[in-house]
Amino acid sequence: MDLAALRALEPLCWRAPSAHNTQPWRLRYERWAVTVGWDPADELPAGDPTGRDLRLSLGAFVETCLIVAADAGLRLDWAADLDEADHRVGRLRPARQPYRTPFRTGEVWDRRTHRGRFGAGPDADVVAAVDAVARRAGGAVRVVPAAGRLGALLRVADRRVYADPAVVAELRRWLRLHPARPDYRADGLSDRCLGLSRASATGLRAALAAYPVLRPLGLPRLLAATAGDPMAQGGALLALVAPPGLDAAGQVEFGRVLMRMWLTLHVAGLAGHPLSQLVDVAASRDALGALLDVAPERIVHVTRVGRPVVPAPRSARRVEHSLVG
């Protein structure tokens, strides 16, 4: 197994998505395999108490590694082996043939989250294509109807999120609201990627700093209102629906499905804006389940999808930062 070749590809593999851009994955190089694990310091125990987003992110990283390796001619396959105590999800190991995938490294590199305005949402053919990706794994992709109700659901979810001091503290830890921060180009959610002006970033930083004092005075409601309605920026909301009874190991594998879904959208000229709060908050998740006529616990991811009006900025990565630092 050419470990040096895989090491050289790591900056490309780290372009996988993760909640709050925490980049939790870690690679442990061994003689005949590479163990994929995670650093507990990058977990989100308040915002992601069940570990669903963590496992989806790790699965997306695994899929990214396989795509990048295959495009470089490296022959790898994947052996799933989730072990919570050892903080690992499995191993990349030698294979007789490269991983079969329609995607290339350039698509991994260019894919971005877009939180700005969309000119148009996905057409029926694109929705059918991403639905086919999910159905091959026993799931489905559904367009969430009743756009007029989504704004109200988002406000409810945002207020619940901002009302939780632990979740807000976690968010503050990963926000990068000024370029002077030493980790601004390494990880987290930057003001540029959030689409914030300098004044808005300064205001948000001040509001969150005063959170302990202002929370009883209605700051969560104000922050939710300030966040606005993402659906007013255009696009359609797609929900990734998992098979019934998906366990923790299955969530990792469904993270691979999510990555293939995102790349399918990217190839079609579209981008996604995750709205995880709709799944994280029980009230909005239950309402989504009713809208889609599925069990709420089967909804593992929701994304606003459309064609970006302007290119989105590239989010930071630690590996790239360490290479140039």
Protein backbone atom coordinates (compact mmCIF):
# COMPACT_ATOMS: atom_id res chain seq x y z
CA MET A 1 0.00 0.00 0.00
CA ASP A 2 1.50 3.34 -1.08
CA LEU A 3 1.12 5.28 2.16
CA ALA A 4 3.24 8.19 0.90
CA ALA A 5 0.93 8.66 -2.09
CA LEU A 6 -2.15 8.74 0.14
CA ARG A 7 -0.50 11.17 2.54
CA ALA A 8 0.18 13.50 -0.37
CA LEU A 9 -3.54 13.45 -1.22
CA GLU A 10 -4.71 14.38 2.27
CA PRO A 11 -5.28 18.10 1.53
CA LEU A 12 -7.76 17.02 -1.16
CA CYS A 13 -9.46 14.48 1.09
CA TRP A 14 -10.02 17.13 3.77
CA ARG A 15 -12.37 19.00 1.43
CA ALA A 16 -15.16 16.81 2.83
CA PRO A 17 -17.95 18.71 4.65
CA SER A 18 -18.51 18.70 8.41
CA ALA A 19 -20.87 20.41 10.87
CA HIS A 20 -19.45 23.82 11.91
CA ASN A 21 -16.46 22.90 9.70
CA THR A 22 -14.90 21.08 12.67
CA GLN A 23 -13.04 18.60 10.40
CA PRO A 24 -13.17 15.84 13.05
CA TRP A 25 -11.58 13.09 10.98
CA ARG A 26 -8.09 11.72 11.61
CA LEU A 27 -6.06 9.20 9.63
CA ARG A 28 -3.81 6.69 11.39
CA TYR A 29 -1.32 5.11 8.99
CA GLU A 30 -0.49 1.47 9.61
CA ARG A 31 1.50 -1.03 7.59
CA TRP A 32 -1.34 -2.51 5.54
CA ALA A 33 -4.21 -0.14 6.17
CA VAL A 34 -5.17 3.39 7.17
CA THR A 35 -7.57 3.72 10.07
CA VAL A 36 -10.16 6.48 9.80
CA GLY A 37 -11.09 7.90 13.17
CA TRP A 38 -11.96 11.16 14.83
CA ASP A 39 -10.74 13.51 17.51
CA PRO A 40 -13.22 13.82 20.41
CA ALA A 41 -12.12 17.44 20.81
CA ASP A 42 -13.92 18.17 17.53
CA GLU A 43 -17.25 16.66 18.56
CA LEU A 44 -20.28 18.89 19.16
CA PRO A 45 -21.85 17.37 22.29
CA ALA A 46 -24.38 20.18 22.72
CA GLY A 47 -25.40 20.78 19.10
CA ASP A 48 -25.05 17.16 18.00
CA PRO A 49 -25.76 15.15 21.17
CA THR A 50 -26.56 11.90 19.35
CA GLY A 51 -23.45 12.11 17.15
CA ARG A 52 -25.50 11.95 13.95
CA ASP A 53 -23.74 14.86 12.25
CA LEU A 54 -20.36 13.56 13.38
CA ARG A 55 -20.98 10.16 11.81
CA LEU A 56 -22.39 11.68 8.61
CA SER A 57 -19.26 13.85 8.34
CA LEU A 58 -16.99 10.85 8.85
CA GLY A 59 -18.83 8.92 6.17
CA ALA A 60 -18.53 11.87 3.79
CA PHE A 61 -14.80 11.94 4.50
CA VAL A 62 -14.47 8.22 3.75
CA GLU A 63 -16.25 8.66 0.42
CA THR A 64 -14.01 11.63 -0.39
CA CYS A 65 -10.88 9.59 0.36
CA LEU A 66 -12.06 6.79 -1.94
CA ILE A 67 -12.87 9.21 -4.78
CA VAL A 68 -9.57 11.08 -4.53
CA ALA A 69 -7.56 7.85 -4.29
CA ALA A 70 -9.36 6.31 -7.26
CA ASP A 71 -8.73 9.40 -9.40
CA ALA A 72 -5.02 9.13 -8.54
CA GLY A 73 -4.96 5.45 -9.53
CA LEU A 74 -4.65 4.14 -5.97
CA ARG A 75 -6.48 0.88 -5.34
CA LEU A 76 -8.35 1.15 -2.08
CA ASP A 77 -11.53 -0.21 -0.60
CA TRP A 78 -13.33 0.35 2.67
CA ALA A 79 -13.84 -1.94 5.65
CA ALA A 80 -16.39 -0.46 8.05
CA ASP A 81 -15.59 -1.05 11.73
CA LEU A 82 -17.25 1.47 14.04
CA ASP A 83 -15.71 1.47 17.51
CA GLU A 84 -16.85 4.35 19.72
CA ALA A 85 -14.30 3.57 22.45
CA ASP A 86 -11.39 3.65 19.98
CA HIS A 87 -12.87 6.62 18.06
CA ARG A 88 -12.67 4.87 14.72
CA VAL A 89 -15.14 4.10 11.95
CA GLY A 90 -13.12 1.67 9.82
CA ARG A 91 -10.12 1.22 7.58
CA LEU A 92 -8.99 2.06 4.09
CA ARG A 93 -7.11 -0.96 2.77
CA PRO A 94 -5.52 -2.27 -0.45
CA ALA A 95 -7.85 -3.54 -3.17
CA ARG A 96 -7.44 -5.27 -6.52
CA GLN A 97 -9.15 -2.44 -8.38
CA PRO A 98 -9.64 1.29 -7.75
CA TYR A 99 -12.94 2.31 -6.20
CA ARG A 100 -15.64 2.67 -8.85
CA THR A 101 -17.12 6.16 -8.85
CA PRO A 102 -18.35 8.67 -11.44
CA PHE A 103 -16.74 11.53 -9.54
CA ARG A 104 -13.28 13.07 -9.85
CA THR A 105 -10.93 14.98 -7.58
CA GLY A 106 -11.70 18.28 -9.31
CA GLU A 107 -15.33 17.98 -8.28
CA VAL A 108 -14.34 17.27 -4.68
CA TRP A 109 -12.10 20.35 -4.73
CA ASP A 110 -14.64 22.69 -6.30
CA ARG A 111 -17.73 21.66 -4.29
CA ARG A 112 -18.72 24.33 -1.79
CA THR A 113 -21.48 25.14 0.65
CA HIS A 114 -23.38 28.22 -0.48
CA ARG A 115 -25.36 30.29 2.02
CA GLY A 116 -26.21 33.09 -0.40
CA ARG A 117 -28.84 33.66 -3.06
CA PHE A 118 -29.86 31.02 -5.57
CA GLY A 119 -31.15 31.85 -9.03
CA ALA A 120 -33.08 28.62 -9.45
CA GLY A 121 -33.71 25.40 -7.62
CA PRO A 122 -33.08 21.86 -8.85
CA ASP A 123 -35.19 20.63 -11.75
CA ALA A 124 -37.02 17.30 -11.74
CA ASP A 125 -34.14 15.45 -13.41
CA VAL A 126 -31.65 16.52 -10.74
CA VAL A 127 -34.03 15.61 -7.92
CA ALA A 128 -34.51 12.21 -9.57
CA ALA A 129 -30.73 11.77 -9.83
CA VAL A 130 -30.05 12.45 -6.14
CA ASP A 131 -33.07 10.36 -5.18
CA ALA A 132 -31.58 7.47 -7.15
CA VAL A 133 -28.31 7.87 -5.22
CA ALA A 134 -30.19 7.56 -1.92
CA ARG A 135 -32.45 4.73 -3.09
CA ARG A 136 -29.47 2.54 -3.95
CA ALA A 137 -28.70 2.66 -0.21
CA GLY A 138 -32.30 2.09 0.86
CA GLY A 139 -33.18 5.74 1.45
CA ALA A 140 -34.74 8.56 -0.53
CA VAL A 141 -34.45 12.27 -1.28
CA ARG A 142 -37.65 14.27 -0.97
CA VAL A 143 -38.52 17.85 -1.84
CA VAL A 144 -40.04 19.48 1.24
CA PRO A 145 -43.40 21.06 0.25
CA ALA A 146 -45.24 24.06 1.65
CA ALA A 147 -42.49 26.65 1.23
CA GLY A 148 -44.59 29.21 3.07
CA ARG A 149 -44.45 27.14 6.25
CA LEU A 150 -40.71 26.61 6.16
CA GLY A 151 -39.93 30.15 7.29
CA ALA A 152 -41.99 29.64 10.44
CA LEU A 153 -40.35 26.27 11.09
CA LEU A 154 -36.89 27.78 10.69
CA ARG A 155 -37.71 30.58 13.14
CA VAL A 156 -38.89 28.04 15.71
CA ALA A 157 -35.76 25.94 15.23
CA ASP A 158 -33.43 28.95 15.39
CA ARG A 159 -35.04 30.24 18.58
CA ARG A 160 -34.68 26.83 20.24
CA VAL A 161 -31.02 26.64 19.19
CA TYR A 162 -30.16 30.14 20.42
CA ALA A 163 -32.01 29.55 23.67
CA ASP A 164 -29.58 26.79 24.71
CA PRO A 165 -26.47 28.28 26.39
CA ALA A 166 -24.41 25.14 25.73
CA VAL A 167 -25.22 25.18 22.02
CA VAL A 168 -24.43 28.90 21.79
CA ALA A 169 -21.12 28.40 23.61
CA GLU A 170 -20.24 25.67 21.13
CA LEU A 171 -21.18 27.89 18.22
CA ARG A 172 -19.02 30.72 19.58
CA ARG A 173 -16.09 28.33 19.77
CA TRP A 174 -16.32 27.57 16.04
CA LEU A 175 -17.24 31.01 14.70
CA ARG A 176 -14.43 32.84 12.89
CA LEU A 177 -15.77 36.38 12.60
CA HIS A 178 -12.56 38.33 12.06
CA PRO A 179 -9.55 37.60 9.81
CA ALA A 180 -7.17 38.49 12.65
CA ARG A 181 -8.03 35.26 14.45
CA PRO A 182 -5.12 32.79 14.15
CA ASP A 183 -7.52 29.94 13.24
CA TYR A 184 -9.48 32.00 10.69
CA ARG A 185 -7.96 30.11 7.73
CA ALA A 186 -7.86 26.74 9.47
CA ASP A 187 -11.38 25.66 10.45
CA GLY A 188 -14.77 26.82 11.72
CA LEU A 189 -17.42 29.10 10.23
CA SER A 190 -15.94 32.31 8.87
CA ASP A 191 -17.80 35.56 8.32
CA ARG A 192 -17.14 35.19 4.57
CA CYS A 193 -18.64 31.71 4.39
CA LEU A 194 -21.62 32.86 6.45
CA GLY A 195 -22.16 35.74 4.04
CA LEU A 196 -21.81 38.37 6.78
CA SER A 197 -20.72 41.95 6.19
CA ARG A 198 -18.03 43.35 8.47
CA ALA A 199 -20.71 45.28 10.41
CA SER A 200 -22.92 42.19 10.76
CA ALA A 201 -19.99 40.08 11.92
CA THR A 202 -19.06 42.70 14.51
CA GLY A 203 -22.65 42.89 15.74
CA LEU A 204 -22.96 39.12 16.03
CA ARG A 205 -19.67 38.90 17.89
CA ALA A 206 -20.83 41.54 20.37
CA ALA A 207 -24.24 39.94 20.85
CA LEU A 208 -22.77 36.50 21.55
CA ALA A 209 -20.21 37.96 23.93
CA ALA A 210 -23.08 39.51 25.92
CA TYR A 211 -25.21 36.36 25.68
CA PRO A 212 -25.22 35.48 29.42
CA VAL A 213 -26.63 38.92 30.26
CA LEU A 214 -28.94 39.38 27.29
CA ARG A 215 -30.38 35.87 27.04
CA PRO A 216 -33.09 36.45 29.71
CA LEU A 217 -34.00 39.69 27.91
CA GLY A 218 -34.94 37.98 24.67
CA LEU A 219 -31.63 37.68 22.80
CA PRO A 220 -32.45 34.21 21.38
CA ARG A 221 -35.56 35.58 19.66
CA LEU A 222 -33.57 38.56 18.34
CA LEU A 223 -30.78 36.35 16.99
CA ALA A 224 -33.32 34.10 15.29
CA ALA A 225 -35.00 37.10 13.69
CA THR A 226 -31.65 38.52 12.58
CA ALA A 227 -30.76 35.23 10.91
CA GLY A 228 -33.70 35.79 8.57
CA ASP A 229 -35.38 33.24 6.35
CA PRO A 230 -32.85 31.32 4.20
CA MET A 231 -35.66 30.13 1.93
CA ALA A 232 -36.21 33.74 0.89
CA GLN A 233 -32.80 33.45 -0.79
CA GLY A 234 -34.23 31.00 -3.30
CA GLY A 235 -33.84 27.31 -4.00
CA ALA A 236 -35.70 24.25 -2.80
CA LEU A 237 -35.36 22.27 0.42
CA LEU A 238 -34.31 18.66 -0.03
CA ALA A 239 -34.52 16.11 2.77
CA LEU A 240 -32.35 13.00 2.90
CA VAL A 241 -34.47 10.18 4.29
CA ALA A 242 -32.68 7.14 5.69
CA PRO A 243 -33.95 3.56 5.80
CA PRO A 244 -35.96 2.61 8.89
CA GLY A 245 -33.89 1.62 11.91
CA LEU A 246 -30.62 3.16 10.74
CA ASP A 247 -28.05 2.54 13.49
CA ALA A 248 -24.81 4.40 14.26
CA ALA A 249 -22.73 2.37 11.80
CA GLY A 250 -25.43 2.92 9.20
CA GLN A 251 -25.19 6.68 9.73
CA VAL A 252 -21.51 6.54 8.78
CA GLU A 253 -22.39 4.68 5.58
CA PHE A 254 -25.18 7.17 4.92
CA GLY A 255 -22.62 9.95 5.20
CA ARG A 256 -21.06 8.39 2.11
CA VAL A 257 -24.46 8.62 0.43
CA LEU A 258 -24.71 12.27 1.47
CA MET A 259 -21.34 13.01 -0.14
CA ARG A 260 -22.44 11.38 -3.39
CA MET A 261 -25.64 13.42 -3.23
CA TRP A 262 -23.71 16.68 -2.80
CA LEU A 263 -21.34 15.85 -5.65
CA THR A 264 -24.27 14.96 -7.91
CA LEU A 265 -25.72 18.39 -7.20
CA HIS A 266 -22.35 20.05 -7.82
CA VAL A 267 -21.91 18.34 -11.20
CA ALA A 268 -25.35 19.72 -12.15
CA GLY A 269 -24.15 23.27 -11.33
CA LEU A 270 -25.98 23.43 -8.00
CA ALA A 271 -24.89 23.94 -4.41
CA GLY A 272 -26.32 23.19 -1.00
CA HIS A 273 -26.88 25.14 2.20
CA PRO A 274 -27.43 22.74 5.13
CA LEU A 275 -30.20 23.67 7.55
CA SER A 276 -29.45 21.14 10.25
CA GLN A 277 -31.44 23.01 12.89
CA LEU A 278 -34.60 21.69 11.25
CA VAL A 279 -33.48 18.16 12.14
CA ASP A 280 -31.83 18.99 15.47
CA VAL A 281 -34.95 20.55 17.03
CA ALA A 282 -37.68 18.03 17.78
CA ALA A 283 -40.60 20.34 16.95
CA SER A 284 -39.36 21.22 13.47
CA ARG A 285 -38.21 17.65 12.79
CA ASP A 286 -41.67 16.34 13.69
CA ALA A 287 -43.28 18.96 11.44
CA LEU A 288 -41.01 17.94 8.56
CA GLY A 289 -41.93 14.32 9.12
CA ALA A 290 -45.61 15.24 8.88
CA LEU A 291 -45.02 17.24 5.68
CA LEU A 292 -43.15 14.33 4.08
CA ASP A 293 -45.30 11.59 5.62
CA VAL A 294 -42.25 9.78 7.01
CA ALA A 295 -41.12 8.94 10.53
CA PRO A 296 -39.25 12.04 11.76
CA GLU A 297 -36.25 10.02 12.97
CA ARG A 298 -35.60 8.89 9.40
CA ILE A 299 -34.81 12.47 8.27
CA VAL A 300 -31.05 12.73 8.70
CA HIS A 301 -30.20 15.83 6.67
CA VAL A 302 -31.92 18.82 5.06
CA THR A 303 -30.33 21.18 2.55
CA ARG A 304 -31.46 24.26 0.67
CA VAL A 305 -30.40 23.59 -2.91
CA GLY A 306 -30.13 25.84 -5.93
CA ARG A 307 -27.92 27.47 -8.55
CA PRO A 308 -25.66 30.10 -6.92
CA VAL A 309 -25.98 33.65 -8.21
CA VAL A 310 -22.31 34.31 -7.34
CA PRO A 311 -19.54 31.83 -6.43
CA ALA A 312 -19.29 30.95 -2.76
CA PRO A 313 -16.02 31.47 -0.87
CA ARG A 314 -13.98 28.36 -0.12
CA SER A 315 -14.15 27.23 3.50
CA ALA A 316 -10.92 26.85 5.47
CA ARG A 317 -9.06 23.59 6.04
CA ARG A 318 -6.41 22.80 8.62
CA VAL A 319 -4.24 20.71 6.32
CA GLU A 320 -4.01 23.49 3.74
CA HIS A 321 -3.33 25.98 6.54
CA SER A 322 -0.49 23.84 7.92
CA LEU A 323 1.06 23.51 4.46
CA VAL A 324 1.28 27.26 3.96
CA GLY A 325 1.83 28.34 7.56
